Amino acid sequence: MARDRMLSTLGCALLAGPMFVAGLMAQDPPVDTTGTQVATEETPAAAVNSDALRKEAQNPVASLISVPVQNNNNMGINPGYRTQDVLNIQPVIPLKVSDNWNLIIRWITPLIYQPLPAPSPLPQIGVSGLGDMQPTFLLSPRKPHKVIWGAGPIIQLPTATSQYLGQGKLALGPNIVALTMPGHFVLGVLVNNIWSVAGGGSRPDINQMLLQYFVNYNMKKGWYLTAQPILTANWNTLAPSGSVWTVPFGGGVGRIMKLGFQPVNISVQAYGNAVHVPGASPWNVRASFALLFPKLTKQQQKMMMEQKLKQMEQEQPRK
C-alpha cells in the first residue's frame, strides 16, 4: 500500500514531463526603451523578439527546438511529511516529415529522489536514481490554423534504477493536444492514457490517464501568468475506493528573456491537490528553465554573428 501511494505521486510527477506547455509557454522578451536591440524584421534581435518567435514559443507543436529542465517538489508525503523531488530533462526536437506535416519528438528523462517510509525513531531514508523514461511523438500539420493540434503515441519505458522509482512495465497509448491563441491568451488541453503491454508479472498493470488544460495570459516586457494543472486518474489503483484521481488547482508566473544572446523561458508555479491518493503529496512546486533555439534565416544568422563579434570587440580591455 505504501509503495502504491509512492508510485501514485511519482506517476503524477513523471507524467508532467510530456506536457508541452511547462517549458514552452513564453512571451516576447522586454524591449529596451533606449532602442538597444529593438526587434524589427531586419535586426538580429528579431530572432528573440519577433511575434513569430512568441507564437512558436507558445505553440507546443511548433518548429522550435527547445531544452526544458523542469523540477517538481512534491511536498507533504506521508509518513513523515516528506518531499519527493523529480527533475525532468525533456528536449523537444521538431522534424519535417513532409510539406504538410511535422513530427514533434520529446524525450523525458526523470531523475528522482523518492522518500521511503521508516518507522520512528529510525533515520528517514530515501532512494535516488533514474525513473521511467517517456518518449512522445506528435504529428502536427505544418500550415497554421485557428485550432492547432497534434496527435501521436506516448511510450513509457521501464528504465527505473529502483523498484521505487518506476512502475516496472512497458506502457503505451495515445497522446493528443489542441490549442488556440485568441488575443493575449493561449488556451489548450492535452490528454493521454497509457496501458502496460509488457513487464514483470509481479508489478501492477498500468492503466492511467493524464489531462492537462493550460491557460496562459501574455503581459508586457516578457511576463506571463499561467495555469497548467495536471489531472491524473489511476484506473488500476490499489488504494482505497475514491483514490483514483489527483486534481490540482493553482498557477504561476514566468518570463521569456535573454541570457546573453540565448533566449530562455523561466517559470515558477505552485499547485494544491484538492483530491489525491491518501498519503500522497497534497501540494507541489514546479520550476522550469528552457533554452529556446529559434530557426534563423541565413541573413539573420549573419547579422547575429556580426552583432556577437561587435559585442566581443567592445568587451575587450583597452590597452
Protein backbone atom coordinates (compact mmCIF):
# COMPACT_ATOMS: atom_id res chain seq x y z
CA MET A 1 0.00 0.00 0.00
CA ALA A 2 2.80 2.42 0.87
CA ARG A 3 4.54 1.70 -2.41
CA ASP A 4 1.27 2.22 -4.29
CA ARG A 5 0.92 5.67 -2.73
CA MET A 6 4.51 6.49 -3.64
CA LEU A 7 4.03 5.33 -7.22
CA SER A 8 0.82 7.36 -7.49
CA THR A 9 2.69 10.53 -6.54
CA LEU A 10 5.58 9.51 -8.74
CA GLY A 11 3.30 8.84 -11.69
CA CYS A 12 1.82 12.35 -11.48
CA ALA A 13 5.25 13.94 -11.40
CA LEU A 14 6.60 11.79 -14.22
CA LEU A 15 3.59 12.33 -16.45
CA ALA A 16 4.08 16.07 -16.03
CA GLY A 17 7.11 15.60 -18.23
CA PRO A 18 5.27 15.12 -21.52
CA MET A 19 3.38 18.31 -21.03
CA PHE A 20 4.30 20.63 -23.84
CA VAL A 21 3.50 23.84 -22.03
CA ALA A 22 5.62 23.99 -18.89
CA GLY A 23 8.80 24.71 -20.73
CA LEU A 24 7.42 26.32 -23.88
CA MET A 25 4.75 28.78 -22.85
CA ALA A 26 6.50 32.10 -23.42
CA GLN A 27 6.15 35.68 -24.47
CA ASP A 28 8.11 38.47 -26.15
CA PRO A 29 11.18 39.49 -24.16
CA PRO A 30 11.45 43.07 -22.94
CA VAL A 31 12.49 45.74 -25.42
CA ASP A 32 14.94 48.38 -24.25
CA THR A 33 13.28 51.80 -24.22
CA THR A 34 16.53 53.37 -25.34
CA GLY A 35 16.39 51.42 -28.56
CA THR A 36 19.07 48.82 -27.82
CA GLN A 37 18.31 45.59 -29.67
CA VAL A 38 14.82 46.71 -30.56
CA ALA A 39 13.23 43.91 -32.52
CA THR A 40 12.37 44.51 -36.13
CA GLU A 41 12.29 42.09 -39.00
CA GLU A 42 15.65 43.47 -40.15
CA THR A 43 17.64 43.25 -36.90
CA PRO A 44 19.29 40.27 -35.19
CA ALA A 45 17.12 40.94 -32.16
CA ALA A 46 14.16 39.77 -34.21
CA ALA A 47 15.37 36.24 -33.58
CA VAL A 48 14.22 36.53 -29.97
CA ASN A 49 11.73 39.42 -30.00
CA SER A 50 9.60 38.93 -33.08
CA ASP A 51 5.97 37.99 -32.93
CA ALA A 52 6.81 34.85 -34.89
CA LEU A 53 9.01 33.56 -32.07
CA ARG A 54 6.38 34.47 -29.49
CA LYS A 55 3.81 32.35 -31.28
CA GLU A 56 6.25 29.47 -31.76
CA ALA A 57 7.30 29.53 -28.11
CA GLN A 58 3.66 29.32 -27.05
CA ASN A 59 2.84 26.55 -29.50
CA PRO A 60 3.61 23.03 -28.20
CA VAL A 61 3.79 21.64 -31.75
CA ALA A 62 5.78 24.47 -33.36
CA SER A 63 9.01 24.04 -35.31
CA LEU A 64 11.06 25.25 -32.37
CA ILE A 65 13.91 23.30 -30.79
CA SER A 66 13.93 23.71 -27.01
CA VAL A 67 15.57 22.11 -24.00
CA PRO A 68 13.32 22.45 -20.92
CA VAL A 69 14.54 21.36 -17.50
CA GLN A 70 11.69 21.06 -15.03
CA ASN A 71 11.96 20.44 -11.28
CA ASN A 72 8.96 19.19 -9.30
CA ASN A 73 8.95 19.28 -5.49
CA ASN A 74 6.05 17.20 -4.19
CA MET A 75 5.57 18.19 -0.56
CA GLY A 76 3.94 16.54 2.43
CA ILE A 77 4.29 12.85 1.55
CA ASN A 78 3.37 10.61 4.47
CA PRO A 79 4.57 9.13 6.69
CA GLY A 80 6.79 11.92 7.95
CA TYR A 81 5.52 14.79 5.75
CA ARG A 82 8.50 14.46 3.44
CA THR A 83 9.37 15.81 -0.01
CA GLN A 84 9.81 13.94 -3.27
CA ASP A 85 11.90 15.58 -5.98
CA VAL A 86 11.56 14.86 -9.71
CA LEU A 87 13.89 16.60 -12.17
CA ASN A 88 12.71 16.15 -15.76
CA ILE A 89 15.15 16.77 -18.61
CA GLN A 90 12.95 16.91 -21.70
CA PRO A 91 14.40 18.14 -25.00
CA VAL A 92 11.96 18.88 -27.82
CA ILE A 93 13.03 18.31 -31.43
CA PRO A 94 10.72 19.09 -34.39
CA LEU A 95 11.26 17.17 -37.64
CA LYS A 96 9.79 17.94 -41.05
CA VAL A 97 8.33 14.71 -42.45
CA SER A 98 6.65 16.28 -45.49
CA ASP A 99 5.49 19.62 -46.85
CA ASN A 100 2.30 19.26 -44.83
CA TRP A 101 3.37 17.54 -41.60
CA ASN A 102 5.81 17.95 -38.71
CA LEU A 103 6.80 15.32 -36.17
CA ILE A 104 7.48 16.73 -32.70
CA ILE A 105 9.67 14.46 -30.55
CA ARG A 106 10.08 14.93 -26.82
CA TRP A 107 12.16 12.56 -24.70
CA ILE A 108 11.62 12.87 -20.96
CA THR A 109 14.38 11.65 -18.66
CA PRO A 110 13.38 11.86 -14.96
CA LEU A 111 15.92 11.97 -12.14
CA ILE A 112 14.14 11.22 -8.87
CA TYR A 113 14.59 11.33 -5.12
CA GLN A 114 11.89 9.18 -3.51
CA PRO A 115 11.48 9.21 0.29
CA LEU A 116 10.81 5.77 1.76
CA PRO A 117 8.71 5.03 4.87
CA ALA A 118 10.68 4.29 8.02
CA PRO A 119 9.19 3.86 11.49
CA SER A 120 10.20 6.45 14.09
CA PRO A 121 12.73 6.90 15.60
CA LEU A 122 14.72 5.31 12.77
CA PRO A 123 16.52 7.74 10.43
CA GLN A 124 14.47 8.82 7.44
CA ILE A 125 15.70 7.18 4.25
CA GLY A 126 15.15 7.53 0.53
CA VAL A 127 16.34 6.34 -2.86
CA SER A 128 17.67 8.35 -5.81
CA GLY A 129 18.15 7.44 -9.44
CA LEU A 130 16.69 7.29 -12.91
CA GLY A 131 12.95 6.89 -13.39
CA ASP A 132 10.94 5.52 -16.30
CA MET A 133 11.77 7.42 -19.49
CA GLN A 134 8.89 8.67 -21.63
CA PRO A 135 9.39 9.42 -25.33
CA THR A 136 6.43 11.12 -27.00
CA PHE A 137 5.72 11.73 -30.68
CA LEU A 138 3.21 14.23 -32.07
CA LEU A 139 2.29 14.51 -35.74
CA SER A 140 1.02 18.02 -36.47
CA PRO A 141 0.01 19.97 -39.62
CA ARG A 142 2.66 22.43 -40.79
CA LYS A 143 0.16 25.01 -42.03
CA PRO A 144 -1.28 27.30 -39.33
CA HIS A 145 -4.94 27.08 -38.38
CA LYS A 146 -7.13 28.74 -35.77
CA VAL A 147 -7.12 25.48 -33.83
CA ILE A 148 -3.65 23.93 -33.65
CA TRP A 149 -3.44 20.24 -32.90
CA GLY A 150 -1.13 17.25 -32.75
CA ALA A 151 -1.59 13.54 -32.13
CA GLY A 152 0.64 10.52 -31.70
CA PRO A 153 1.87 7.84 -29.29
CA ILE A 154 3.34 8.17 -25.83
CA ILE A 155 5.59 5.36 -24.55
CA GLN A 156 6.74 4.62 -21.02
CA LEU A 157 9.98 2.62 -20.84
CA PRO A 158 10.85 0.59 -17.70
CA THR A 159 14.25 2.25 -17.21
CA ALA A 160 13.98 2.96 -13.46
CA THR A 161 17.05 2.03 -11.42
CA SER A 162 14.91 1.05 -8.41
CA GLN A 163 11.50 -0.51 -7.93
CA TYR A 164 10.53 2.63 -6.01
CA LEU A 165 11.34 4.94 -8.93
CA GLY A 166 9.20 3.42 -11.67
CA GLN A 167 6.33 1.12 -12.49
CA GLY A 168 8.41 -1.70 -13.96
CA LYS A 169 6.44 -2.17 -17.17
CA LEU A 170 6.45 -1.11 -20.79
CA ALA A 171 3.36 1.01 -21.44
CA LEU A 172 1.99 2.99 -24.36
CA GLY A 173 -1.08 4.84 -25.50
CA PRO A 174 -2.47 7.79 -27.48
CA ASN A 175 -1.46 11.40 -26.85
CA ILE A 176 -3.47 14.37 -28.18
CA VAL A 177 -3.03 18.14 -27.83
CA ALA A 178 -5.14 21.04 -29.13
CA LEU A 179 -4.88 24.78 -28.55
CA THR A 180 -5.89 28.19 -29.81
CA MET A 181 -4.37 31.65 -29.31
CA PRO A 182 -7.02 34.41 -29.12
CA GLY A 183 -5.58 37.83 -28.32
CA HIS A 184 -3.27 37.75 -25.32
CA PHE A 185 -4.33 34.23 -24.36
CA VAL A 186 -3.11 30.74 -25.12
CA LEU A 187 -5.80 28.16 -24.32
CA GLY A 188 -5.40 24.44 -24.77
CA VAL A 189 -5.65 20.92 -23.47
CA LEU A 190 -3.53 17.78 -23.62
CA VAL A 191 -4.74 14.29 -22.77
CA ASN A 192 -3.24 10.82 -22.88
CA ASN A 193 -3.85 7.35 -21.48
CA ILE A 194 -1.28 4.57 -21.22
CA TRP A 195 -1.70 0.83 -20.72
CA SER A 196 1.01 -1.69 -19.83
CA VAL A 197 1.82 -4.16 -22.61
CA ALA A 198 4.84 -5.99 -21.17
CA GLY A 199 6.89 -6.27 -17.99
CA GLY A 200 7.24 -8.12 -14.73
CA GLY A 201 4.17 -10.02 -13.63
CA SER A 202 4.79 -9.11 -10.01
CA ARG A 203 4.12 -5.41 -10.70
CA PRO A 204 0.59 -3.99 -11.04
CA ASP A 205 -0.75 -3.42 -14.55
CA ILE A 206 -0.76 0.18 -15.75
CA ASN A 207 -3.92 1.95 -16.87
CA GLN A 208 -3.69 5.66 -16.16
CA MET A 209 -4.90 8.86 -17.75
CA LEU A 210 -3.45 12.35 -17.72
CA LEU A 211 -5.33 15.53 -18.62
CA GLN A 212 -3.72 18.95 -18.58
CA TYR A 213 -5.54 22.12 -19.52
CA PHE A 214 -3.47 25.28 -19.83
CA VAL A 215 -4.34 28.96 -19.71
CA ASN A 216 -1.61 31.47 -20.46
CA TYR A 217 -2.05 35.26 -20.38
CA ASN A 218 0.61 37.40 -22.08
CA MET A 219 1.68 40.64 -20.47
CA LYS A 220 4.24 43.31 -21.30
CA LYS A 221 8.02 43.00 -21.07
CA GLY A 222 8.04 39.25 -21.43
CA TRP A 223 5.98 38.41 -18.33
CA TYR A 224 3.07 36.00 -18.37
CA LEU A 225 0.60 34.40 -15.98
CA THR A 226 -0.03 30.70 -16.40
CA ALA A 227 -2.14 27.87 -15.03
CA GLN A 228 -1.19 24.34 -16.10
CA PRO A 229 -2.72 21.88 -13.61
CA ILE A 230 -2.15 18.20 -14.30
CA LEU A 231 -5.13 15.95 -13.54
CA THR A 232 -4.39 12.23 -13.33
CA ALA A 233 -6.51 9.12 -12.94
CA ASN A 234 -5.02 5.76 -11.97
CA TRP A 235 -7.76 3.37 -13.08
CA ASN A 236 -5.94 0.36 -11.57
CA THR A 237 -5.17 1.91 -8.22
CA LEU A 238 -4.73 -0.42 -5.25
CA ALA A 239 -5.54 2.40 -2.84
CA PRO A 240 -8.91 2.64 -1.07
CA SER A 241 -12.04 3.42 -3.06
CA GLY A 242 -12.22 7.02 -4.20
CA SER A 243 -8.46 7.37 -4.63
CA VAL A 244 -8.41 7.21 -8.43
CA TRP A 245 -7.99 10.94 -9.10
CA THR A 246 -5.42 13.63 -8.40
CA VAL A 247 -6.94 17.07 -9.04
CA PRO A 248 -4.73 20.15 -8.51
CA PHE A 249 -5.54 23.86 -8.57
CA GLY A 250 -3.08 26.73 -8.82
CA GLY A 251 -0.85 28.62 -11.22
CA GLY A 252 2.26 30.72 -11.51
CA VAL A 253 4.25 33.34 -13.33
CA GLY A 254 7.01 33.26 -15.91
CA ARG A 255 9.09 35.33 -18.25
CA ILE A 256 10.94 34.93 -21.53
CA MET A 257 14.24 36.77 -21.65
CA LYS A 258 17.80 36.53 -22.94
CA LEU A 259 20.95 35.33 -21.23
CA GLY A 260 23.49 36.97 -23.48
CA PHE A 261 22.23 36.04 -26.94
CA GLN A 262 20.37 32.95 -25.74
CA PRO A 263 16.55 33.16 -25.44
CA VAL A 264 15.27 31.37 -22.35
CA ASN A 265 11.94 30.78 -20.67
CA ILE A 266 11.72 30.71 -16.87
CA SER A 267 8.63 29.99 -14.77
CA VAL A 268 7.57 29.06 -11.23
CA GLN A 269 4.21 27.53 -10.35
CA ALA A 270 2.52 26.13 -7.24
CA TYR A 271 -0.44 23.77 -7.00
CA GLY A 272 -2.57 22.32 -4.23
CA ASN A 273 -4.21 18.94 -4.76
CA ALA A 274 -7.89 19.23 -3.87
CA VAL A 275 -8.17 15.46 -4.41
CA HIS A 276 -5.29 12.99 -4.11
CA VAL A 277 -4.42 9.45 -3.07
CA PRO A 278 -4.15 9.11 0.73
CA GLY A 279 -0.56 9.59 1.84
CA ALA A 280 0.46 11.20 -1.46
CA SER A 281 1.56 14.80 -1.88
CA PRO A 282 -1.13 17.43 -1.10
CA TRP A 283 0.78 20.22 -2.85
CA ASN A 284 3.77 20.82 -5.09
CA VAL A 285 6.05 23.49 -6.55
CA ARG A 286 7.15 23.33 -10.20
CA ALA A 287 10.07 25.38 -11.53
CA SER A 288 11.20 25.25 -15.15
CA PHE A 289 14.03 26.64 -17.24
CA ALA A 290 14.02 26.22 -21.01
CA LEU A 291 16.59 27.06 -23.66
CA LEU A 292 14.91 28.17 -26.89
CA PHE A 293 16.55 27.75 -30.30
CA PRO A 294 14.53 29.57 -32.97
CA LYS A 295 15.15 28.72 -36.61
CA LEU A 296 17.05 31.59 -38.23
CA THR A 297 17.39 32.54 -41.86
CA LYS A 298 20.91 32.85 -43.32
CA GLN A 299 20.59 36.62 -43.18
CA GLN A 300 19.57 36.52 -39.51
CA GLN A 301 22.47 34.16 -38.73
CA LYS A 302 24.91 36.54 -40.43
CA MET A 303 23.52 39.56 -38.59
CA MET A 304 23.58 37.71 -35.26
CA MET A 305 27.21 36.74 -35.78
CA GLU A 306 28.15 40.31 -36.66
CA GLN A 307 26.46 41.55 -33.51
CA LYS A 308 28.27 38.96 -31.38
CA LEU A 309 31.63 39.95 -32.87
CA LYS A 310 30.87 43.61 -32.22
CA GLN A 311 30.00 42.88 -28.61
CA MET A 312 33.19 40.83 -28.15
CA GLU A 313 35.27 43.72 -29.52
CA GLN A 314 33.58 46.13 -27.11
CA GLU A 315 34.26 43.80 -24.17
CA GLN A 316 37.99 43.52 -24.91
CA PRO A 317 40.08 45.57 -22.45
CA ARG A 318 41.64 48.66 -23.93
CA LYS A 319 45.46 48.78 -23.97
